[in-house]
C-alpha atoms as a PDB file:
ATOM      1  CA  MET A   1     -14.205 -43.303 -22.914  1.00  0.00           C
ATOM      2  CA  LYS A   2     -15.283 -40.976 -20.081  1.00  0.00           C
ATOM      3  CA  ARG A   3     -11.812 -41.120 -18.532  1.00  0.00           C
ATOM      4  CA  ILE A   4     -10.065 -39.560 -21.538  1.00  0.00           C
ATOM      5  CA  PRO A   5     -12.055 -36.266 -21.468  1.00  0.00           C
ATOM      6  CA  ALA A   6     -11.690 -36.106 -17.673  1.00  0.00           C
ATOM      7  CA  ALA A   7      -7.950 -36.709 -17.930  1.00  0.00           C
ATOM      8  CA  THR A   8      -7.659 -34.073 -20.666  1.00  0.00           C
ATOM      9  CA  PHE A   9      -9.604 -31.601 -18.534  1.00  0.00           C
ATOM     10  CA  LEU A  10      -7.385 -32.262 -15.518  1.00  0.00           C
ATOM     11  CA  PHE A  11      -4.258 -31.856 -17.644  1.00  0.00           C
ATOM     12  CA  LEU A  12      -5.472 -28.536 -19.075  1.00  0.00           C
ATOM     13  CA  PHE A  13      -6.583 -27.326 -15.639  1.00  0.00           C
ATOM     14  CA  TRP A  14      -3.193 -28.207 -14.114  1.00  0.00           C
ATOM     15  CA  THR A  15      -1.418 -26.456 -16.996  1.00  0.00           C
ATOM     16  CA  LEU A  16      -3.409 -23.266 -16.445  1.00  0.00           C
ATOM     17  CA  ILE A  17      -2.874 -23.073 -12.694  1.00  0.00           C
ATOM     18  CA  SER A  18       0.824 -23.792 -12.961  1.00  0.00           C
ATOM     19  CA  VAL A  19       1.583 -20.959 -15.410  1.00  0.00           C
ATOM     20  CA  PRO A  20       4.848 -19.272 -14.417  1.00  0.00           C
ATOM     21  CA  GLY A  21       4.572 -16.034 -12.447  1.00  0.00           C
ATOM     22  CA  SER A  22       6.056 -14.020 -15.315  1.00  0.00           C
ATOM     23  CA  PHE A  23       2.742 -14.340 -17.144  1.00  0.00           C
ATOM     24  CA  ALA A  24       0.737 -13.215 -14.127  1.00  0.00           C
ATOM     25  CA  GLN A  25      -0.204  -9.573 -13.671  1.00  0.00           C
ATOM     26  CA  HIS A  26       2.484  -7.780 -11.652  1.00  0.00           C
ATOM     27  CA  GLU A  27       1.199  -6.696  -8.265  1.00  0.00           C
ATOM     28  CA  PRO A  28       3.163  -4.297  -6.097  1.00  0.00           C
ATOM     29  CA  SER A  29       4.980  -6.255  -3.405  1.00  0.00           C
ATOM     30  CA  GLU A  30       4.759  -5.371   0.261  1.00  0.00           C
ATOM     31  CA  SER A  31       8.047  -3.904   1.350  1.00  0.00           C
ATOM     32  CA  TYR A  32       9.795  -1.744   3.859  1.00  0.00           C
ATOM     33  CA  ARG A  33      11.848   0.531   1.624  1.00  0.00           C
ATOM     34  CA  LYS A  34      13.929   3.224   3.220  1.00  0.00           C
ATOM     35  CA  ILE A  35      12.165   6.576   3.485  1.00  0.00           C
ATOM     36  CA  VAL A  36      14.493   9.345   2.310  1.00  0.00           C
ATOM     37  CA  ASN A  37      12.104  12.278   2.924  1.00  0.00           C
ATOM     38  CA  ARG A  38       9.328  12.128   5.512  1.00  0.00           C
ATOM     39  CA  VAL A  39       6.992  15.130   5.754  1.00  0.00           C
ATOM     40  CA  LEU A  40       5.207  15.674   9.067  1.00  0.00           C
ATOM     41  CA  PRO A  41       1.446  16.162   8.763  1.00  0.00           C
ATOM     42  CA  GLN A  42      -0.182  19.437   9.706  1.00  0.00           C
ATOM     43  CA  TYR A  43      -2.257  18.837  12.807  1.00  0.00           C
ATOM     44  CA  PRO A  44      -5.854  19.905  11.919  1.00  0.00           C
ATOM     45  CA  GLU A  45      -7.129  22.843  13.991  1.00  0.00           C
ATOM     46  CA  ILE A  46     -10.412  21.070  14.717  1.00  0.00           C
ATOM     47  CA  ALA A  47      -8.454  18.095  16.081  1.00  0.00           C
ATOM     48  CA  ARG A  48      -6.357  20.459  18.207  1.00  0.00           C
ATOM     49  CA  SER A  49      -9.483  22.125  19.631  1.00  0.00           C
ATOM     50  CA  MET A  50     -10.895  18.677  20.452  1.00  0.00           C
ATOM     51  CA  ASN A  51      -7.527  17.650  21.973  1.00  0.00           C
ATOM     52  CA  LEU A  52      -7.729  14.638  19.651  1.00  0.00           C
ATOM     53  CA  THR A  53      -4.884  12.139  19.613  1.00  0.00           C
ATOM     54  CA  GLY A  54      -4.540   8.983  17.599  1.00  0.00           C
ATOM     55  CA  SER A  55      -3.012   7.506  14.522  1.00  0.00           C
ATOM     56  CA  VAL A  56      -3.899   6.849  10.917  1.00  0.00           C
ATOM     57  CA  LYS A  57      -2.880   3.562   9.337  1.00  0.00           C
ATOM     58  CA  ALA A  58      -2.400   3.569   5.592  1.00  0.00           C
ATOM     59  CA  GLU A  59      -0.718   1.784   2.747  1.00  0.00           C
ATOM     60  CA  ALA A  60       1.149   3.685   0.047  1.00  0.00           C
ATOM     61  CA  VAL A  61       1.857   2.368  -3.429  1.00  0.00           C
ATOM     62  CA  VAL A  62       5.330   3.663  -4.230  1.00  0.00           C
ATOM     63  CA  ALA A  63       6.714   3.822  -7.777  1.00  0.00           C
ATOM     64  CA  PRO A  64      10.198   2.485  -8.586  1.00  0.00           C
ATOM     65  CA  ASN A  65      11.573   6.054  -8.457  1.00  0.00           C
ATOM     66  CA  GLY A  66      10.335   6.451  -4.850  1.00  0.00           C
ATOM     67  CA  VAL A  67       7.339   8.728  -5.525  1.00  0.00           C
ATOM     68  CA  VAL A  68       3.977   7.902  -3.931  1.00  0.00           C
ATOM     69  CA  LYS A  69       1.412   6.857  -6.542  1.00  0.00           C
ATOM     70  CA  SER A  70      -1.544   6.294  -4.210  1.00  0.00           C
ATOM     71  CA  VAL A  71      -2.480   6.123  -0.545  1.00  0.00           C
ATOM     72  CA  GLU A  72      -5.145   3.808   0.844  1.00  0.00           C
ATOM     73  CA  VAL A  73      -6.312   4.503   4.391  1.00  0.00           C
ATOM     74  CA  ARG A  74      -6.663   1.374   6.530  1.00  0.00           C
ATOM     75  CA  GLY A  75      -7.913   3.017   9.714  1.00  0.00           C
ATOM     76  CA  GLY A  76      -7.867   6.096  11.872  1.00  0.00           C
ATOM     77  CA  HIS A  77     -10.004   8.977  13.064  1.00  0.00           C
ATOM     78  CA  PRO A  78     -11.758  10.697  10.132  1.00  0.00           C
ATOM     79  CA  VAL A  79     -10.654  14.148  11.331  1.00  0.00           C
ATOM     80  CA  LEU A  80      -6.988  13.068  11.001  1.00  0.00           C
ATOM     81  CA  VAL A  81      -7.168  11.101   7.737  1.00  0.00           C
ATOM     82  CA  ARG A  82      -6.842  13.965   5.232  1.00  0.00           C
ATOM     83  CA  ALA A  83      -3.826  15.464   7.028  1.00  0.00           C
ATOM     84  CA  ALA A  84      -2.102  12.072   7.036  1.00  0.00           C
ATOM     85  CA  GLN A  85      -2.820  11.476   3.332  1.00  0.00           C
ATOM     86  CA  ASN A  86      -1.575  14.943   2.352  1.00  0.00           C
ATOM     87  CA  ALA A  87       1.695  14.364   4.219  1.00  0.00           C
ATOM     88  CA  ILE A  88       2.245  10.843   2.848  1.00  0.00           C
ATOM     89  CA  TYR A  89       1.860  12.042  -0.757  1.00  0.00           C
ATOM     90  CA  LYS A  90       4.892  14.280  -0.125  1.00  0.00           C
ATOM     91  CA  TRP A  91       7.076  11.437   1.207  1.00  0.00           C
ATOM     92  CA  LYS A  92       9.895  10.022  -0.898  1.00  0.00           C
ATOM     93  CA  TRP A  93      11.359   6.502  -0.736  1.00  0.00           C
ATOM     94  CA  ALA A  94      14.671   5.103  -1.953  1.00  0.00           C
ATOM     95  CA  PRO A  95      14.583   3.806  -5.540  1.00  0.00           C
ATOM     96  CA  ALA A  96      13.732   0.130  -6.114  1.00  0.00           C
ATOM     97  CA  PRO A  97      13.495  -2.157  -9.150  1.00  0.00           C
ATOM     98  CA  HIS A  98       9.680  -2.259  -8.996  1.00  0.00           C
ATOM     99  CA  GLU A  99       6.754  -0.544  -7.284  1.00  0.00           C
ATOM    100  CA  THR A 100       5.970  -1.597  -3.736  1.00  0.00           C
ATOM    101  CA  ARG A 101       3.272  -1.295  -1.099  1.00  0.00           C
ATOM    102  CA  GLU A 102       4.486   0.412   2.046  1.00  0.00           C
ATOM    103  CA  PRO A 103       2.563   0.085   5.338  1.00  0.00           C
ATOM    104  CA  ILE A 104       2.496   3.383   7.249  1.00  0.00           C
ATOM    105  CA  GLU A 105       1.254   4.611  10.605  1.00  0.00           C
ATOM    106  CA  VAL A 106       1.086   8.376  11.180  1.00  0.00           C
ATOM    107  CA  LYS A 107       0.674   9.375  14.833  1.00  0.00           C
ATOM    108  CA  PHE A 108      -1.019  12.585  15.943  1.00  0.00           C
ATOM    109  CA  ASP A 109      -0.562  14.169  19.365  1.00  0.00           C
ATOM    110  CA  PRO A 110      -1.347  17.853  20.062  1.00  0.00           C
ATOM    111  CA  ARG A 111       1.396  18.115  22.712  1.00  0.00           C
END
């Protein structure tokens, strides 16, 4: 008798974990869509006075129409982060059938 409830549980568990992806919540996929308009960041004056170089790594969530919905910073000097975010929000990507996550690295050099 104990095997029937265990078998039923296993069947239900297997059914739940094998639900088709169409029922799962849609997550933006990681992509490398073509950038159609890239805006250069304004180099912060404080960074220029410090002769600060470096890069900011970020990930942008881009809507199907190519507009940036959000930017998440993954690393970089805090003095450069805001300038990178401000520039990325102005970027435009080629249209796609769904929203995507785009990895970005913005490099800063005062020269």
